[in-house]
Amino acid sequence: MSSDTGIPRTAVALDIEDPVQKARAELKAALAAIEEKANVPKRVARATERRMATARAFAKKQPVMAAVAAVGVAAAVGVAVWGLVKLYTR
């Protein structure tokens, strides 16, 4: 099972006839699936990249709305930090 077959790392090729090779391929696919599922930093990085691409596309299409959204997010973060500090200093 190599990357040149066009199937994902977490899949097993259907054309494997030898039971030993098939078991090895299934084990390799299962371990790859576990790695994909358990690698939280990698998943977070992928999600962040997707969100950033979406935000860039939105900013390119509607720059005024993107600026308004950025100001709104900054204001919300500021209010949240101010509220937390106020609660902490009571």
PDB file of N, CA and C in Angstrom:
ATOM      1  N   MET A   1       0.843  -1.176   0.000  1.00  0.00           N
ATOM      2  CA  MET A   1       0.000   0.000   0.000  1.00  0.00           C
ATOM      3  C   MET A   1       0.882   1.231   0.000  1.00  0.00           C
ATOM      4  N   SER A   2       0.958   1.897  -1.111  1.00  0.00           N
ATOM      5  CA  SER A   2       1.775   3.090  -1.208  1.00  0.00           C
ATOM      6  C   SER A   2       0.924   4.264  -1.637  1.00  0.00           C
ATOM      7  N   SER A   3       1.509   5.438  -1.611  1.00  0.00           N
ATOM      8  CA  SER A   3       0.757   6.636  -1.928  1.00  0.00           C
ATOM      9  C   SER A   3       0.506   6.786  -3.417  1.00  0.00           C
ATOM     10  N   ASP A   4       1.199   6.014  -4.276  1.00  0.00           N
ATOM     11  CA  ASP A   4       1.012   6.148  -5.710  1.00  0.00           C
ATOM     12  C   ASP A   4      -0.227   5.407  -6.214  1.00  0.00           C
ATOM     13  N   THR A   5      -0.919   4.657  -5.347  1.00  0.00           N
ATOM     14  CA  THR A   5      -2.118   3.932  -5.764  1.00  0.00           C
ATOM     15  C   THR A   5      -3.343   4.831  -5.814  1.00  0.00           C
ATOM     16  N   GLY A   6      -3.282   5.988  -5.215  1.00  0.00           N
ATOM     17  CA  GLY A   6      -4.408   6.911  -5.241  1.00  0.00           C
ATOM     18  C   GLY A   6      -5.429   6.695  -4.145  1.00  0.00           C
ATOM     19  N   ILE A   7      -5.159   5.805  -3.198  1.00  0.00           N
ATOM     20  CA  ILE A   7      -6.079   5.609  -2.089  1.00  0.00           C
ATOM     21  C   ILE A   7      -5.483   6.251  -0.841  1.00  0.00           C
ATOM     22  N   PRO A   8      -6.325   6.671   0.096  1.00  0.00           N
ATOM     23  CA  PRO A   8      -5.812   7.309   1.317  1.00  0.00           C
ATOM     24  C   PRO A   8      -4.985   6.346   2.165  1.00  0.00           C
ATOM     25  N   ARG A   9      -4.192   6.927   3.075  1.00  0.00           N
ATOM     26  CA  ARG A   9      -3.371   6.108   3.974  1.00  0.00           C
ATOM     27  C   ARG A   9      -4.229   5.231   4.867  1.00  0.00           C
ATOM     28  N   THR A  10      -5.455   5.656   5.141  1.00  0.00           N
ATOM     29  CA  THR A  10      -6.310   4.928   6.075  1.00  0.00           C
ATOM     30  C   THR A  10      -7.224   3.922   5.378  1.00  0.00           C
ATOM     31  N   ALA A  11      -6.957   3.609   4.116  1.00  0.00           N
ATOM     32  CA  ALA A  11      -7.761   2.630   3.371  1.00  0.00           C
ATOM     33  C   ALA A  11      -6.889   1.450   2.971  1.00  0.00           C
ATOM     34  N   VAL A  12      -7.535   0.343   2.694  1.00  0.00           N
ATOM     35  CA  VAL A  12      -6.840  -0.871   2.271  1.00  0.00           C
ATOM     36  C   VAL A  12      -7.213  -1.147   0.815  1.00  0.00           C
ATOM     37  N   ALA A  13      -6.215  -1.426   0.008  1.00  0.00           N
ATOM     38  CA  ALA A  13      -6.471  -1.743  -1.395  1.00  0.00           C
ATOM     39  C   ALA A  13      -7.268  -3.039  -1.502  1.00  0.00           C
ATOM     40  N   LEU A  14      -8.207  -3.083  -2.424  1.00  0.00           N
ATOM     41  CA  LEU A  14      -9.069  -4.261  -2.574  1.00  0.00           C
ATOM     42  C   LEU A  14      -8.410  -5.374  -3.377  1.00  0.00           C
ATOM     43  N   ASP A  15      -7.329  -5.074  -4.087  1.00  0.00           N
ATOM     44  CA  ASP A  15      -6.719  -6.072  -4.967  1.00  0.00           C
ATOM     45  C   ASP A  15      -5.666  -6.935  -4.280  1.00  0.00           C
ATOM     46  N   ILE A  16      -5.553  -6.868  -2.975  1.00  0.00           N
ATOM     47  CA  ILE A  16      -4.573  -7.681  -2.249  1.00  0.00           C
ATOM     48  C   ILE A  16      -5.150  -9.079  -2.043  1.00  0.00           C
ATOM     49  N   GLU A  17      -4.436 -10.093  -2.542  1.00  0.00           N
ATOM     50  CA  GLU A  17      -4.903 -11.485  -2.441  1.00  0.00           C
ATOM     51  C   GLU A  17      -4.267 -12.231  -1.272  1.00  0.00           C
ATOM     52  N   ASP A  18      -2.992 -11.973  -1.002  1.00  0.00           N
ATOM     53  CA  ASP A  18      -2.263 -12.687   0.049  1.00  0.00           C
ATOM     54  C   ASP A  18      -2.815 -12.280   1.419  1.00  0.00           C
ATOM     55  N   PRO A  19      -3.248 -13.240   2.250  1.00  0.00           N
ATOM     56  CA  PRO A  19      -3.823 -12.894   3.549  1.00  0.00           C
ATOM     57  C   PRO A  19      -2.838 -12.185   4.476  1.00  0.00           C
ATOM     58  N   VAL A  20      -1.570 -12.520   4.385  1.00  0.00           N
ATOM     59  CA  VAL A  20      -0.575 -11.867   5.241  1.00  0.00           C
ATOM     60  C   VAL A  20      -0.405 -10.414   4.819  1.00  0.00           C
ATOM     61  N   GLN A  21      -0.283 -10.183   3.527  1.00  0.00           N
ATOM     62  CA  GLN A  21      -0.159  -8.807   3.043  1.00  0.00           C
ATOM     63  C   GLN A  21      -1.420  -8.005   3.354  1.00  0.00           C
ATOM     64  N   LYS A  22      -2.584  -8.647   3.225  1.00  0.00           N
ATOM     65  CA  LYS A  22      -3.838  -7.957   3.524  1.00  0.00           C
ATOM     66  C   LYS A  22      -3.911  -7.592   5.007  1.00  0.00           C
ATOM     67  N   ALA A  23      -3.504  -8.504   5.881  1.00  0.00           N
ATOM     68  CA  ALA A  23      -3.507  -8.216   7.321  1.00  0.00           C
ATOM     69  C   ALA A  23      -2.549  -7.083   7.650  1.00  0.00           C
ATOM     70  N   ARG A  24      -1.371  -7.104   7.017  1.00  0.00           N
ATOM     71  CA  ARG A  24      -0.417  -6.013   7.236  1.00  0.00           C
ATOM     72  C   ARG A  24      -0.978  -4.691   6.752  1.00  0.00           C
ATOM     73  N   ALA A  25      -1.613  -4.708   5.588  1.00  0.00           N
ATOM     74  CA  ALA A  25      -2.191  -3.474   5.048  1.00  0.00           C
ATOM     75  C   ALA A  25      -3.313  -2.963   5.944  1.00  0.00           C
ATOM     76  N   GLU A  26      -4.137  -3.876   6.472  1.00  0.00           N
ATOM     77  CA  GLU A  26      -5.208  -3.469   7.383  1.00  0.00           C
ATOM     78  C   GLU A  26      -4.651  -2.895   8.676  1.00  0.00           C
ATOM     79  N   LEU A  27      -3.598  -3.526   9.199  1.00  0.00           N
ATOM     80  CA  LEU A  27      -2.965  -3.000  10.412  1.00  0.00           C
ATOM     81  C   LEU A  27      -2.367  -1.628  10.157  1.00  0.00           C
ATOM     82  N   LYS A  28      -1.682  -1.477   9.039  1.00  0.00           N
ATOM     83  CA  LYS A  28      -1.086  -0.186   8.687  1.00  0.00           C
ATOM     84  C   LYS A  28      -2.160   0.887   8.540  1.00  0.00           C
ATOM     85  N   ALA A  29      -3.276   0.540   7.897  1.00  0.00           N
ATOM     86  CA  ALA A  29      -4.374   1.491   7.724  1.00  0.00           C
ATOM     87  C   ALA A  29      -5.002   1.846   9.066  1.00  0.00           C
ATOM     88  N   ALA A  30      -5.162   0.851   9.945  1.00  0.00           N
ATOM     89  CA  ALA A  30      -5.750   1.110  11.260  1.00  0.00           C
ATOM     90  C   ALA A  30      -4.844   2.026  12.089  1.00  0.00           C
ATOM     91  N   LEU A  31      -3.547   1.762  12.049  1.00  0.00           N
ATOM     92  CA  LEU A  31      -2.610   2.618  12.789  1.00  0.00           C
ATOM     93  C   LEU A  31      -2.599   4.032  12.220  1.00  0.00           C
ATOM     94  N   ALA A  32      -2.681   4.166  10.902  1.00  0.00           N
ATOM     95  CA  ALA A  32      -2.729   5.494  10.284  1.00  0.00           C
ATOM     96  C   ALA A  32      -4.008   6.229  10.693  1.00  0.00           C
ATOM     97  N   ALA A  33      -5.126   5.502  10.753  1.00  0.00           N
ATOM     98  CA  ALA A  33      -6.386   6.117  11.163  1.00  0.00           C
ATOM     99  C   ALA A  33      -6.322   6.573  12.622  1.00  0.00           C
ATOM    100  N   ILE A  34      -5.719   5.746  13.473  1.00  0.00           N
ATOM    101  CA  ILE A  34      -5.568   6.129  14.881  1.00  0.00           C
ATOM    102  C   ILE A  34      -4.681   7.355  14.998  1.00  0.00           C
ATOM    103  N   GLU A  35      -3.603   7.387  14.231  1.00  0.00           N
ATOM    104  CA  GLU A  35      -2.705   8.546  14.262  1.00  0.00           C
ATOM    105  C   GLU A  35      -3.426   9.812  13.810  1.00  0.00           C
ATOM    106  N   GLU A  36      -4.216   9.700  12.742  1.00  0.00           N
ATOM    107  CA  GLU A  36      -4.964  10.861  12.253  1.00  0.00           C
ATOM    108  C   GLU A  36      -5.947  11.354  13.310  1.00  0.00           C
ATOM    109  N   LYS A  37      -6.619  10.434  13.961  1.00  0.00           N
ATOM    110  CA  LYS A  37      -7.639  10.790  14.949  1.00  0.00           C
ATOM    111  C   LYS A  37      -7.013  11.355  16.225  1.00  0.00           C
ATOM    112  N   ALA A  38      -5.869  10.826  16.638  1.00  0.00           N
ATOM    113  CA  ALA A  38      -5.272  11.207  17.916  1.00  0.00           C
ATOM    114  C   ALA A  38      -4.346  12.416  17.820  1.00  0.00           C
ATOM    115  N   ASN A  39      -3.947  12.790  16.634  1.00  0.00           N
ATOM    116  CA  ASN A  39      -3.006  13.892  16.475  1.00  0.00           C
ATOM    117  C   ASN A  39      -3.770  15.220  16.499  1.00  0.00           C
ATOM    118  N   VAL A  40      -4.093  15.672  17.711  1.00  0.00           N
ATOM    119  CA  VAL A  40      -4.901  16.872  17.887  1.00  0.00           C
ATOM    120  C   VAL A  40      -4.200  18.121  17.346  1.00  0.00           C
ATOM    121  N   PRO A  41      -2.912  18.345  17.603  1.00  0.00           N
ATOM    122  CA  PRO A  41      -2.286  19.549  17.055  1.00  0.00           C
ATOM    123  C   PRO A  41      -2.367  19.621  15.523  1.00  0.00           C
ATOM    124  N   LYS A  42      -2.219  18.485  14.877  1.00  0.00           N
ATOM    125  CA  LYS A  42      -2.307  18.460  13.415  1.00  0.00           C
ATOM    126  C   LYS A  42      -3.731  18.787  12.957  1.00  0.00           C
ATOM    127  N   ARG A  43      -4.717  18.241  13.656  1.00  0.00           N
ATOM    128  CA  ARG A  43      -6.111  18.521  13.308  1.00  0.00           C
ATOM    129  C   ARG A  43      -6.461  19.980  13.554  1.00  0.00           C
ATOM    130  N   VAL A  44      -5.953  20.554  14.645  1.00  0.00           N
ATOM    131  CA  VAL A  44      -6.196  21.961  14.933  1.00  0.00           C
ATOM    132  C   VAL A  44      -5.538  22.836  13.870  1.00  0.00           C
ATOM    133  N   ALA A  45      -4.325  22.480  13.464  1.00  0.00           N
ATOM    134  CA  ALA A  45      -3.642  23.252  12.426  1.00  0.00           C
ATOM    135  C   ALA A  45      -4.410  23.211  11.113  1.00  0.00           C
ATOM    136  N   ARG A  46      -4.927  22.047  10.744  1.00  0.00           N
ATOM    137  CA  ARG A  46      -5.717  21.945   9.507  1.00  0.00           C
ATOM    138  C   ARG A  46      -6.988  22.786   9.600  1.00  0.00           C
ATOM    139  N   ALA A  47      -7.673  22.717  10.732  1.00  0.00           N
ATOM    140  CA  ALA A  47      -8.898  23.494  10.903  1.00  0.00           C
ATOM    141  C   ALA A  47      -8.600  24.985  10.868  1.00  0.00           C
ATOM    142  N   THR A  48      -7.494  25.384  11.486  1.00  0.00           N
ATOM    143  CA  THR A  48      -7.103  26.790  11.478  1.00  0.00           C
ATOM    144  C   THR A  48      -6.793  27.255  10.060  1.00  0.00           C
ATOM    145  N   GLU A  49      -6.091  26.431   9.299  1.00  0.00           N
ATOM    146  CA  GLU A  49      -5.792  26.793   7.915  1.00  0.00           C
ATOM    147  C   GLU A  49      -7.066  26.946   7.095  1.00  0.00           C
ATOM    148  N   ARG A  50      -8.031  26.043   7.298  1.00  0.00           N
ATOM    149  CA  ARG A  50      -9.303  26.156   6.570  1.00  0.00           C
ATOM    150  C   ARG A  50     -10.033  27.439   6.939  1.00  0.00           C
ATOM    151  N   ARG A  51     -10.091  27.734   8.237  1.00  0.00           N
ATOM    152  CA  ARG A  51     -10.781  28.954   8.684  1.00  0.00           C
ATOM    153  C   ARG A  51     -10.082  30.207   8.164  1.00  0.00           C
ATOM    154  N   MET A  52      -8.750  30.193   8.163  1.00  0.00           N
ATOM    155  CA  MET A  52      -8.005  31.349   7.656  1.00  0.00           C
ATOM    156  C   MET A  52      -8.263  31.542   6.161  1.00  0.00           C
ATOM    157  N   ALA A  53      -8.318  30.460   5.413  1.00  0.00           N
ATOM    158  CA  ALA A  53      -8.604  30.564   3.978  1.00  0.00           C
ATOM    159  C   ALA A  53     -10.006  31.131   3.762  1.00  0.00           C
ATOM    160  N   THR A  54     -10.963  30.679   4.572  1.00  0.00           N
ATOM    161  CA  THR A  54     -12.326  31.205   4.470  1.00  0.00           C
ATOM    162  C   THR A  54     -12.359  32.688   4.816  1.00  0.00           C
ATOM    163  N   ALA A  55     -11.650  33.071   5.872  1.00  0.00           N
ATOM    164  CA  ALA A  55     -11.616  34.475   6.284  1.00  0.00           C
ATOM    165  C   ALA A  55     -10.947  35.340   5.222  1.00  0.00           C
ATOM    166  N   ARG A  56      -9.862  34.848   4.622  1.00  0.00           N
ATOM    167  CA  ARG A  56      -9.192  35.615   3.565  1.00  0.00           C
ATOM    168  C   ARG A  56     -10.100  35.797   2.355  1.00  0.00           C
ATOM    169  N   ALA A  57     -10.818  34.745   1.983  1.00  0.00           N
ATOM    170  CA  ALA A  57     -11.741  34.841   0.850  1.00  0.00           C
ATOM    171  C   ALA A  57     -12.849  35.833   1.158  1.00  0.00           C
ATOM    172  N   PHE A  58     -13.379  35.792   2.381  1.00  0.00           N
ATOM    173  CA  PHE A  58     -14.411  36.746   2.787  1.00  0.00           C
ATOM    174  C   PHE A  58     -13.878  38.169   2.765  1.00  0.00           C
ATOM    175  N   ALA A  59     -12.652  38.354   3.271  1.00  0.00           N
ATOM    176  CA  ALA A  59     -12.056  39.691   3.298  1.00  0.00           C
ATOM    177  C   ALA A  59     -11.789  40.214   1.888  1.00  0.00           C
ATOM    178  N   LYS A  60     -11.476  39.303   0.979  1.00  0.00           N
ATOM    179  CA  LYS A  60     -11.232  39.713  -0.407  1.00  0.00           C
ATOM    180  C   LYS A  60     -12.532  40.126  -1.101  1.00  0.00           C
ATOM    181  N   LYS A  61     -13.624  39.407  -0.794  1.00  0.00           N
ATOM    182  CA  LYS A  61     -14.914  39.710  -1.423  1.00  0.00           C
ATOM    183  C   LYS A  61     -15.595  40.914  -0.789  1.00  0.00           C
ATOM    184  N   GLN A  62     -15.531  41.009   0.535  1.00  0.00           N
ATOM    185  CA  GLN A  62     -16.228  42.073   1.255  1.00  0.00           C
ATOM    186  C   GLN A  62     -15.300  42.685   2.297  1.00  0.00           C
ATOM    187  N   PRO A  63     -14.402  43.579   1.873  1.00  0.00           N
ATOM    188  CA  PRO A  63     -13.418  44.129   2.816  1.00  0.00           C
ATOM    189  C   PRO A  63     -14.035  44.975   3.927  1.00  0.00           C
ATOM    190  N   VAL A  64     -15.114  45.691   3.644  1.00  0.00           N
ATOM    191  CA  VAL A  64     -15.731  46.531   4.673  1.00  0.00           C
ATOM    192  C   VAL A  64     -16.349  45.664   5.760  1.00  0.00           C
ATOM    193  N   MET A  65     -17.071  44.633   5.354  1.00  0.00           N
ATOM    194  CA  MET A  65     -17.674  43.742   6.341  1.00  0.00           C
ATOM    195  C   MET A  65     -16.608  42.993   7.147  1.00  0.00           C
ATOM    196  N   ALA A  66     -15.490  42.667   6.491  1.00  0.00           N
ATOM    197  CA  ALA A  66     -14.400  41.996   7.204  1.00  0.00           C
ATOM    198  C   ALA A  66     -13.812  42.919   8.260  1.00  0.00           C
ATOM    199  N   ALA A  67     -13.668  44.194   7.924  1.00  0.00           N
ATOM    200  CA  ALA A  67     -13.150  45.157   8.902  1.00  0.00           C
ATOM    201  C   ALA A  67     -14.125  45.319  10.060  1.00  0.00           C
ATOM    202  N   VAL A  68     -15.411  45.388   9.755  1.00  0.00           N
ATOM    203  CA  VAL A  68     -16.422  45.499  10.814  1.00  0.00           C
ATOM    204  C   VAL A  68     -16.383  44.259  11.709  1.00  0.00           C
ATOM    205  N   ALA A  69     -16.252  43.096  11.103  1.00  0.00           N
ATOM    206  CA  ALA A  69     -16.174  41.856  11.883  1.00  0.00           C
ATOM    207  C   ALA A  69     -14.929  41.847  12.764  1.00  0.00           C
ATOM    208  N   ALA A  70     -13.801  42.308  12.234  1.00  0.00           N
ATOM    209  CA  ALA A  70     -12.564  42.344  13.021  1.00  0.00           C
ATOM    210  C   ALA A  70     -12.703  43.285  14.213  1.00  0.00           C
ATOM    211  N   VAL A  71     -13.308  44.431  13.995  1.00  0.00           N
ATOM    212  CA  VAL A  71     -13.522  45.379  15.097  1.00  0.00           C
ATOM    213  C   VAL A  71     -14.479  44.776  16.126  1.00  0.00           C
ATOM    214  N   GLY A  72     -15.504  44.109  15.665  1.00  0.00           N
ATOM    215  CA  GLY A  72     -16.450  43.475  16.577  1.00  0.00           C
ATOM    216  C   GLY A  72     -15.800  42.387  17.423  1.00  0.00           C
ATOM    217  N   VAL A  73     -14.976  41.558  16.784  1.00  0.00           N
ATOM    218  CA  VAL A  73     -14.274  40.503  17.521  1.00  0.00           C
ATOM    219  C   VAL A  73     -13.314  41.111  18.536  1.00  0.00           C
ATOM    220  N   ALA A  74     -12.592  42.153  18.124  1.00  0.00           N
ATOM    221  CA  ALA A  74     -11.658  42.809  19.043  1.00  0.00           C
ATOM    222  C   ALA A  74     -12.405  43.417  20.232  1.00  0.00           C
ATOM    223  N   ALA A  75     -13.546  44.029  19.968  1.00  0.00           N
ATOM    224  CA  ALA A  75     -14.340  44.605  21.055  1.00  0.00           C
ATOM    225  C   ALA A  75     -14.856  43.509  21.991  1.00  0.00           C
ATOM    226  N   ALA A  76     -15.297  42.402  21.428  1.00  0.00           N
ATOM    227  CA  ALA A  76     -15.805  41.303  22.263  1.00  0.00           C
ATOM    228  C   ALA A  76     -14.696  40.723  23.134  1.00  0.00           C
ATOM    229  N   VAL A  77     -13.519  40.552  22.576  1.00  0.00           N
ATOM    230  CA  VAL A  77     -12.385  40.043  23.356  1.00  0.00           C
ATOM    231  C   VAL A  77     -12.021  41.044  24.449  1.00  0.00           C
ATOM    232  N   GLY A  78     -12.014  42.322  24.112  1.00  0.00           N
ATOM    233  CA  GLY A  78     -11.712  43.352  25.105  1.00  0.00           C
ATOM    234  C   GLY A  78     -12.707  43.355  26.249  1.00  0.00           C
ATOM    235  N   VAL A  79     -13.983  43.257  25.925  1.00  0.00           N
ATOM    236  CA  VAL A  79     -15.021  43.234  26.963  1.00  0.00           C
ATOM    237  C   VAL A  79     -14.884  41.977  27.819  1.00  0.00           C
ATOM    238  N   ALA A  80     -14.592  40.850  27.185  1.00  0.00           N
ATOM    239  CA  ALA A  80     -14.432  39.608  27.943  1.00  0.00           C
ATOM    240  C   ALA A  80     -13.248  39.699  28.900  1.00  0.00           C
ATOM    241  N   VAL A  81     -12.124  40.219  28.430  1.00  0.00           N
ATOM    242  CA  VAL A  81     -10.951  40.363  29.301  1.00  0.00           C
ATOM    243  C   VAL A  81     -11.251  41.352  30.423  1.00  0.00           C
ATOM    244  N   TRP A  82     -11.896  42.458  30.105  1.00  0.00           N
ATOM    245  CA  TRP A  82     -12.241  43.457  31.117  1.00  0.00           C
ATOM    246  C   TRP A  82     -13.150  42.825  32.185  1.00  0.00           C
ATOM    247  N   GLY A  83     -14.143  42.033  31.735  1.00  0.00           N
ATOM    248  CA  GLY A  83     -15.048  41.389  32.682  1.00  0.00           C
ATOM    249  C   GLY A  83     -14.336  40.379  33.568  1.00  0.00           C
ATOM    250  N   LEU A  84     -13.429  39.614  32.986  1.00  0.00           N
ATOM    251  CA  LEU A  84     -12.678  38.641  33.782  1.00  0.00           C
ATOM    252  C   LEU A  84     -11.784  39.331  34.810  1.00  0.00           C
ATOM    253  N   VAL A  85     -11.127  40.407  34.400  1.00  0.00           N
ATOM    254  CA  VAL A  85     -10.268  41.156  35.328  1.00  0.00           C
ATOM    255  C   VAL A  85     -11.116  41.765  36.439  1.00  0.00           C
ATOM    256  N   LYS A  86     -12.260  42.297  36.083  1.00  0.00           N
ATOM    257  CA  LYS A  86     -13.148  42.892  37.088  1.00  0.00           C
ATOM    258  C   LYS A  86     -13.621  41.834  38.085  1.00  0.00           C
ATOM    259  N   LEU A  87     -13.980  40.635  37.591  1.00  0.00           N
ATOM    260  CA  LEU A  87     -14.377  39.576  38.497  1.00  0.00           C
ATOM    261  C   LEU A  87     -13.214  39.133  39.391  1.00  0.00           C
ATOM    262  N   TYR A  88     -12.030  39.081  38.836  1.00  0.00           N
ATOM    263  CA  TYR A  88     -10.864  38.623  39.587  1.00  0.00           C
ATOM    264  C   TYR A  88     -10.471  39.618  40.674  1.00  0.00           C
ATOM    265  N   THR A  89     -10.633  40.921  40.410  1.00  0.00           N
ATOM    266  CA  THR A  89     -10.190  41.942  41.375  1.00  0.00           C
ATOM    267  C   THR A  89     -11.224  42.254  42.424  1.00  0.00           C
ATOM    268  N   ARG A  90     -12.363  41.635  42.415  1.00  0.00           N
ATOM    269  CA  ARG A  90     -13.383  41.891  43.441  1.00  0.00           C
ATOM    270  C   ARG A  90     -12.959  41.390  44.775  1.00  0.00           C
TER     271      ARG A  90
END
